[in-house]
Amino acid sequence: MLKVSNLYINYGGIQAVRDVSFEVHTGEIVTLIGANGAGKSTILKTISGLMRPKSGLITYEDQPIQNASSATIVGAGISQVPEGRHIFAGMTVQENLEMGAFLKKRGTDMSSTFKDIFARFPVLAERKNQDAATLSGGEQQMLAMARALMAKPKLLLLDEPSMGLSPIYIQKIFDIIQSINEQGTTILLIEQNAKQALSIATRGYVIASGEIKLEGTGKELLGNKQVQSAYLGG
């Protein structure tokens, strides 16, 4: 589905990503793990069209997208949930969700989409007329994920979805990620909570200093002594 080949990305005059290659196959959960500043979010922003690579190739369903606009990429079936959630304060939960469907033609009946979203996220149905800024951190993360799903993506990019959440909400978010995947959405997950990410991942890649250092199944990386020492507190 997604193939990243020999990707180099500069960020503020610094080479943030060096010769990164990886693949995401249809139906998988693939995770990129690594410390802060490893280049993970930069890779995701580049896939989404928010940044441009210095060189390399990004193909989605066999079509190159590294120079495509963000709107074109969303229209092709890729949605991103950004780090920090970035919900729209001063707008209701419902209005935030409507922003996720901005590419739909005016007048399109979205009732079935809202029905599906509210069935998956009941708390958002309860608070649909509430200012999104008044939601808790965990509820805002659910809203950010729901907003991305309004576009009905084939591939969902998740950037640090558990950041800043309580342990209870972290587990809820990972349960939701698995549910989304089980219902047919492929997922590329960036996450500092390496243990949680690898426990649900089909495959994973370890990134350090802008380069991929290790790769394997989620289970293989969970059992890797280097990974345990560096990222799992073992």
Foldseek 3Di string as FASTA:
>chain_A
DKWWAQFWADDPNRTQAGGAIDDFDFLFEEEEEEDPSLCPLVVVCQLLQVGATPDTFMDDPNHTPSNPHNVVSLLVFEFEQDPPLPQDFPAFLQVSLVVLQVVDDPPDDLVVLVVVLCVLVVVCVVRRGPGLVPDDLLVSLSSSVSSPCSSVGQEYEYEASCPPHDPVSSVVVLVSVLVVSVVGHGYYYYHLLLLSSLVRGQKYFYGGSNYTDDIDHSVVLVPDPVNCVPRVVD
